[in-house]
Protein backbone atom coordinates (compact mmCIF):
# COMPACT_ATOMS: atom_id res chain seq x y z
CA MET A 1 0.00 0.00 0.00
CA SER A 2 1.33 3.43 -0.94
CA THR A 3 0.82 6.46 1.28
CA ALA A 4 1.36 10.21 0.93
CA THR A 5 1.28 13.19 3.28
CA LEU A 6 -0.87 16.26 2.73
CA THR A 7 1.07 19.56 2.91
CA SER A 8 -0.21 22.77 4.47
CA LYS A 9 -1.03 23.95 0.92
CA GLY A 10 -3.27 20.90 0.30
CA GLN A 11 -0.76 19.20 -1.98
CA ILE A 12 0.43 15.60 -2.07
CA THR A 13 3.23 13.85 -3.89
CA ILE A 14 1.87 10.81 -5.69
CA PRO A 15 4.21 7.88 -5.05
CA ALA A 16 6.28 6.81 -8.08
CA GLU A 17 4.73 3.32 -8.02
CA VAL A 18 1.22 4.78 -8.31
CA ARG A 19 2.27 7.18 -11.10
CA ARG A 20 3.73 4.25 -13.05
CA ASP A 21 0.61 2.11 -12.58
CA LEU A 22 -1.67 4.97 -13.70
CA LYS A 23 0.72 5.94 -16.51
CA VAL A 24 0.65 9.61 -15.48
CA ASP A 25 3.49 12.07 -15.74
CA THR A 26 4.19 15.73 -15.10
CA GLY A 27 1.37 17.91 -16.46
CA ASP A 28 -1.16 15.08 -16.81
CA ARG A 29 -4.62 15.62 -15.39
CA VAL A 30 -6.22 13.39 -12.76
CA GLU A 31 -9.74 13.26 -11.37
CA PHE A 32 -11.14 12.52 -7.93
CA VAL A 33 -14.41 10.62 -8.34
CA LEU A 34 -16.79 10.27 -5.39
CA VAL A 35 -17.60 6.57 -5.05
CA GLY A 36 -19.28 6.63 -1.64
CA PRO A 37 -19.58 8.70 1.50
CA GLY A 38 -16.06 9.79 2.41
CA ARG A 39 -14.50 7.69 -0.39
CA TYR A 40 -12.95 8.94 -3.60
CA GLU A 41 -11.30 7.17 -6.47
CA PHE A 42 -8.17 8.73 -7.98
CA VAL A 43 -8.35 8.35 -11.78
CA ALA A 44 -5.95 9.35 -14.56
CA ALA A 45 -7.80 11.67 -16.95
CA THR A 46 -5.58 10.78 -19.86
CA SER A 47 -8.07 8.82 -21.98
CA ASP A 48 -9.46 10.35 -25.13
CA VAL A 49 -13.20 11.04 -25.10
CA THR A 50 -13.65 8.59 -28.00
CA ALA A 51 -12.76 5.79 -25.56
CA LEU A 52 -16.24 6.30 -24.06
CA LYS A 53 -17.99 5.29 -27.29
CA GLY A 54 -20.27 2.30 -26.73
CA MET A 55 -19.92 2.44 -22.96
CA PHE A 56 -23.69 2.57 -22.44
CA GLY A 57 -24.83 0.34 -25.30
CA ALA A 58 -26.92 1.24 -28.32
CA THR A 59 -29.29 4.19 -28.14
CA GLN A 60 -32.95 3.36 -27.64
CA LYS A 61 -34.30 6.24 -29.74
CA SER A 62 -32.95 9.17 -31.74
CA VAL A 63 -33.45 12.71 -30.57
CA SER A 64 -32.95 15.71 -32.83
CA VAL A 65 -30.76 18.64 -31.84
CA GLU A 66 -33.87 20.84 -31.88
CA ALA A 67 -35.64 18.53 -29.42
CA MET A 68 -32.56 18.57 -27.17
CA ASN A 69 -32.49 22.38 -27.25
CA VAL A 70 -36.19 22.54 -26.30
CA ALA A 71 -35.65 20.13 -23.39
CA ILE A 72 -32.64 22.13 -22.17
CA ALA A 73 -34.60 25.40 -22.37
CA GLN A 74 -37.55 23.89 -20.49
CA ARG A 75 -35.36 22.51 -17.69
CA GLY A 76 -33.49 25.80 -17.47
CA ALA A 77 -36.76 27.76 -17.15
CA ALA A 78 -38.07 25.32 -14.54
CA ALA A 79 -34.92 25.73 -12.43
CA ARG A 80 -35.46 29.47 -12.02
């Protein structure tokens, strides 16, 4: 198990072993994903968005851009 210490500025140094496993390097982005109360998952944000294609299966029905815009406008108006 790897550990790190939080500095007074809220920074941590990610252990080299973890950086290697996640394939992250200087300048790469990472995300902290809430997975449960008080629990976060540390994830490398290095994947291209196209890697998400097909993640949720085939679409059930098509929706036009116009219909999406109407739905967005309605939800926005309802939130006010």
